[in-house]
Amino acid sequence: MVPNIFITGGYRTGSTHIQLSLSRLMRYRRVSVIAKGGSIGDEGHRIDPSTADALFPLGGFMFQCHAKASPGNLPILQRHNIRPIIVTRNIFDSLVSVQKRFDEATETGWLGNPMQGWKALPDRQKWRWLAYNVSPWMISFYVSWFKADIEKLFVSYEDHFRDQVSGIRRILDHTGISELGSVSDEDIKSVTGRMDGNFSGSGISGRGKREVPAEWQDMIRDQARAWGSENWKHLANAGIIQ
């Protein structure tokens, strides 16, 4: 069977760009296994078991979402021998990108403004809202995957977009796709769509540490420490928090 590719990531981690590059490269069909409603609740995207049971055995599909390794999601992936790719990013950089996404949105809802009147809020109130409502979810998302008993691959935003050819190759190796035939560097470069290195604007690595106010950075670090020293070590080693 041709392997599936299942990518999950925290908010604004580059997971959508990675899945678009891979789907173009492998000519995989991008489909959703997210339960109807598809909203991102405390547990993240919820995988619909009926849809997964129908599609996963066919192979050759691309799935991308914001699913945690929750008690509902993990057994489905294990049952079908899915090897998830988890995209990580420095949490402060992610928050800068989330704020920019909210500021530019024209609609209300998670993929738009989080509330009516968002754009009129002072920056201090925006950062407060993000620190209380977004960063706890992101930390718990990563911790769920650190704990997950499944063959997984963590892909950091910073490393991947520094060298997309190597990043794509790691994913192909992890999923077993490399065993099906060779893919040239030129093939990969033709689909990545952006040059390696830092992106402009909110994609610049390190911008979050400069722009997220120090008081909220300290609060977010405290949120991470509340998960215990072992998880703090995982978060720090992955460059998610420092």
Protein backbone atom coordinates (compact mmCIF):
# COMPACT_ATOMS: atom_id res chain seq x y z
CA MET A 1 0.00 0.00 0.00
CA VAL A 2 1.19 3.54 -0.75
CA PRO A 3 1.72 5.24 2.64
CA ASN A 4 -0.50 8.05 3.83
CA ILE A 5 0.94 11.33 5.10
CA PHE A 6 -0.62 12.68 8.30
CA ILE A 7 0.58 16.11 9.43
CA THR A 8 -0.55 17.87 12.57
CA GLY A 9 0.79 21.09 14.02
CA GLY A 10 0.24 23.87 16.47
CA TYR A 11 -1.22 27.14 15.24
CA ARG A 12 0.81 28.96 12.56
CA THR A 13 3.64 26.44 12.43
CA GLY A 14 3.94 26.10 8.66
CA SER A 15 2.12 22.76 8.56
CA THR A 16 -0.15 23.90 5.72
CA HIS A 17 2.80 24.93 3.58
CA ILE A 18 4.54 21.61 4.23
CA GLN A 19 1.47 19.57 3.31
CA LEU A 20 0.95 21.58 0.11
CA SER A 21 4.56 20.95 -0.93
CA LEU A 22 4.27 17.23 -0.23
CA SER A 23 0.92 16.84 -1.98
CA ARG A 24 2.34 18.51 -5.10
CA LEU A 25 5.48 16.42 -4.95
CA MET A 26 3.73 13.07 -4.48
CA ARG A 27 0.50 14.03 -6.30
CA TYR A 28 -1.39 12.99 -3.19
CA ARG A 29 -5.02 13.92 -2.80
CA ARG A 30 -5.61 16.20 0.18
CA VAL A 31 -8.63 15.09 2.19
CA SER A 32 -10.01 15.63 5.69
CA VAL A 33 -10.73 13.07 8.38
CA ILE A 34 -11.90 15.73 10.83
CA ALA A 35 -15.28 15.17 12.42
CA LYS A 36 -18.13 17.36 11.19
CA GLY A 37 -18.08 20.77 12.73
CA GLY A 38 -14.30 20.72 12.50
CA SER A 39 -13.80 23.34 15.20
CA ILE A 40 -10.66 23.37 17.31
CA GLY A 41 -11.78 22.68 20.86
CA ASP A 42 -9.75 21.82 23.92
CA GLU A 43 -8.82 18.48 22.38
CA GLY A 44 -7.96 19.99 19.00
CA HIS A 45 -9.39 18.61 15.81
CA ARG A 46 -11.24 15.35 16.40
CA ILE A 47 -10.61 12.56 13.90
CA ASP A 48 -13.81 10.97 12.66
CA PRO A 49 -13.36 7.19 13.07
CA SER A 50 -15.72 6.21 10.24
CA THR A 51 -14.00 8.49 7.72
CA ALA A 52 -10.57 7.36 8.90
CA ASP A 53 -11.52 3.68 8.67
CA ALA A 54 -12.71 4.24 5.11
CA LEU A 55 -9.77 6.29 3.83
CA PHE A 56 -6.66 5.23 5.74
CA PRO A 57 -6.60 1.65 4.31
CA LEU A 58 -6.62 2.98 0.73
CA GLY A 59 -3.29 4.81 1.06
CA GLY A 60 -1.93 7.71 -0.92
CA PHE A 61 -3.81 10.44 0.93
CA MET A 62 -2.57 13.64 2.55
CA PHE A 63 -4.10 14.71 5.86
CA GLN A 64 -3.33 17.95 7.69
CA CYS A 65 -5.00 19.24 10.83
CA HIS A 66 -4.51 20.49 14.40
CA ALA A 67 -5.21 17.18 16.14
CA LYS A 68 -3.81 16.39 19.56
CA ALA A 69 -2.74 12.88 20.53
CA SER A 70 -5.97 12.63 22.49
CA PRO A 71 -7.59 9.42 23.82
CA GLY A 72 -10.01 9.62 20.90
CA ASN A 73 -7.48 10.33 18.14
CA LEU A 74 -4.47 8.23 19.07
CA PRO A 75 -6.07 4.75 18.87
CA ILE A 76 -7.34 5.51 15.36
CA LEU A 77 -3.85 6.39 14.15
CA GLN A 78 -2.34 3.37 15.91
CA ARG A 79 -4.94 1.02 14.43
CA HIS A 80 -4.04 2.07 10.91
CA ASN A 81 -0.27 2.24 11.47
CA ILE A 82 -0.20 5.95 10.68
CA ARG A 83 3.16 7.60 11.42
CA PRO A 84 2.23 11.20 12.26
CA ILE A 85 4.40 14.21 11.51
CA ILE A 86 4.15 16.86 14.23
CA VAL A 87 5.23 20.35 13.20
CA THR A 88 6.64 22.49 16.00
CA ARG A 89 7.60 26.14 16.22
CA ASN A 90 8.83 28.55 18.87
CA ILE A 91 5.66 29.49 20.71
CA PHE A 92 6.41 33.23 20.84
CA ASP A 93 6.96 33.32 17.07
CA SER A 94 3.71 31.40 16.58
CA LEU A 95 1.82 33.93 18.70
CA VAL A 96 3.14 36.85 16.62
CA SER A 97 1.86 35.04 13.54
CA VAL A 98 -1.50 34.29 15.17
CA GLN A 99 -1.95 37.93 16.12
CA LYS A 100 -1.10 39.02 12.58
CA ARG A 101 -3.62 36.51 11.19
CA PHE A 102 -6.32 37.85 13.49
CA ASP A 103 -5.49 41.47 12.65
CA GLU A 104 -5.74 40.82 8.90
CA ALA A 105 -8.89 38.69 8.99
CA THR A 106 -12.21 40.06 7.78
CA GLU A 107 -14.45 37.40 9.34
CA THR A 108 -15.11 36.34 12.92
CA GLY A 109 -14.31 32.86 14.22
CA TRP A 110 -11.14 30.88 14.88
CA LEU A 111 -9.79 31.32 11.35
CA GLY A 112 -10.71 34.98 11.48
CA ASN A 113 -11.04 37.42 14.35
CA PRO A 114 -11.52 35.65 17.69
CA MET A 115 -14.14 38.21 18.72
CA GLN A 116 -16.03 41.27 17.58
CA GLY A 117 -13.93 44.38 18.03
CA TRP A 118 -10.60 42.55 18.02
CA LYS A 119 -8.90 45.03 15.73
CA ALA A 120 -9.80 47.96 17.99
CA LEU A 121 -8.22 46.40 21.08
CA PRO A 122 -4.92 47.84 22.35
CA ASP A 123 -1.97 45.53 21.78
CA ARG A 124 -1.68 44.89 25.51
CA GLN A 125 -5.19 43.41 25.60
CA LYS A 126 -4.53 41.33 22.49
CA TRP A 127 -1.42 39.81 24.04
CA ARG A 128 -3.32 39.14 27.24
CA TRP A 129 -6.04 37.30 25.31
CA LEU A 130 -3.49 35.25 23.36
CA ALA A 131 -1.57 34.35 26.52
CA TYR A 132 -4.71 33.18 28.30
CA ASN A 133 -6.50 31.51 25.39
CA VAL A 134 -3.99 30.35 22.76
CA SER A 135 -0.69 29.49 24.43
CA PRO A 136 -2.19 26.97 26.94
CA TRP A 137 -3.71 25.02 24.06
CA MET A 138 -0.47 25.07 22.11
CA ILE A 139 1.57 23.81 25.06
CA SER A 140 -0.92 21.01 25.77
CA PHE A 141 -0.89 20.09 22.05
CA TYR A 142 2.87 19.52 22.08
CA VAL A 143 2.81 17.70 25.43
CA SER A 144 0.16 15.30 24.13
CA TRP A 145 2.48 14.26 21.30
CA PHE A 146 5.57 14.02 23.51
CA LYS A 147 3.66 11.46 25.59
CA ALA A 148 2.10 9.58 22.65
CA ASP A 149 3.12 5.94 22.21
CA ILE A 150 3.31 5.96 18.43
CA GLU A 151 6.02 6.13 15.76
CA LYS A 152 6.18 9.87 15.12
CA LEU A 153 8.41 12.54 13.65
CA PHE A 154 8.81 16.03 15.07
CA VAL A 155 9.59 18.61 12.39
CA SER A 156 10.62 22.06 13.60
CA TYR A 157 9.57 25.09 11.59
CA GLU A 158 13.02 26.60 12.03
CA ASP A 159 14.96 23.57 10.75
CA HIS A 160 12.54 22.69 7.97
CA PHE A 161 12.41 26.11 6.36
CA ARG A 162 16.15 26.55 6.75
CA ASP A 163 16.62 23.58 4.39
CA GLN A 164 13.40 22.38 2.81
CA VAL A 165 15.04 19.67 0.71
CA SER A 166 16.41 17.93 3.80
CA GLY A 167 13.14 18.55 5.63
CA ILE A 168 11.04 16.91 2.93
CA ARG A 169 13.45 13.98 2.74
CA ARG A 170 13.11 13.36 6.49
CA ILE A 171 9.34 13.15 6.07
CA LEU A 172 9.58 10.82 3.07
CA ASP A 173 11.93 8.55 5.02
CA HIS A 174 9.71 8.57 8.10
CA THR A 175 6.55 7.65 6.21
CA GLY A 176 8.26 4.96 4.13
CA ILE A 177 7.65 6.77 0.86
CA SER A 178 11.40 6.87 0.10
CA GLU A 179 11.31 3.10 -0.29
CA LEU A 180 8.94 3.39 -3.25
CA GLY A 181 11.39 5.22 -5.51
CA SER A 182 13.83 8.08 -5.72
CA VAL A 183 12.85 11.73 -5.57
CA SER A 184 15.44 14.23 -6.81
CA ASP A 185 16.45 17.45 -5.06
CA GLU A 186 15.21 19.32 -8.11
CA ASP A 187 11.79 17.70 -7.76
CA ILE A 188 11.59 18.89 -4.17
CA LYS A 189 12.81 22.41 -4.99
CA SER A 190 10.18 22.69 -7.70
CA VAL A 191 7.32 22.28 -5.22
CA THR A 192 8.49 24.02 -2.05
CA GLY A 193 7.53 27.39 -3.47
CA ARG A 194 9.77 29.51 -1.24
CA MET A 195 13.47 29.90 -0.80
CA ASP A 196 15.06 28.44 2.29
CA GLY A 197 15.77 30.69 5.25
CA ASN A 198 13.62 33.11 7.22
CA PHE A 199 10.36 34.38 5.79
CA SER A 200 9.41 38.01 5.80
CA GLY A 201 7.09 39.50 8.41
CA SER A 202 5.65 37.21 11.03
CA GLY A 203 7.56 34.22 9.66
CA ILE A 204 10.92 35.53 10.88
CA SER A 205 12.38 33.27 13.55
CA GLY A 206 13.12 35.10 16.80
CA ARG A 207 10.64 37.88 16.19
CA GLY A 208 8.35 36.65 18.98
CA LYS A 209 10.93 37.06 21.71
CA ARG A 210 11.29 40.70 20.69
CA GLU A 211 7.59 41.48 20.23
CA VAL A 212 5.68 39.47 22.83
CA PRO A 213 5.73 41.60 26.01
CA ALA A 214 8.03 40.23 28.71
CA GLU A 215 5.21 39.84 31.27
CA TRP A 216 3.30 37.53 28.92
CA GLN A 217 6.43 35.61 28.00
CA ASP A 218 6.97 34.94 31.71
CA MET A 219 3.37 33.83 32.12
CA ILE A 220 3.64 31.45 29.16
CA ARG A 221 6.83 29.96 30.60
CA ASP A 222 4.95 29.40 33.86
CA GLN A 223 2.19 27.65 31.92
CA ALA A 224 4.79 25.33 30.41
CA ARG A 225 6.48 24.65 33.77
CA ALA A 226 3.10 23.61 35.18
CA TRP A 227 3.33 20.48 33.01
CA GLY A 228 6.36 19.29 34.99
CA SER A 229 10.12 19.25 34.52
CA GLU A 230 10.15 16.40 32.00
CA ASN A 231 7.75 18.14 29.63
CA TRP A 232 9.55 21.46 30.15
CA LYS A 233 12.73 19.72 29.04
CA HIS A 234 11.00 18.39 25.90
CA LEU A 235 9.56 21.84 25.10
CA ALA A 236 12.92 23.54 25.63
CA ASN A 237 14.92 20.94 23.66
CA ALA A 238 12.50 21.29 20.75
CA GLY A 239 12.95 25.08 20.78
CA ILE A 240 9.23 25.59 21.46
CA ILE A 241 9.91 27.61 24.58
CA GLN A 242 13.07 29.08 26.06
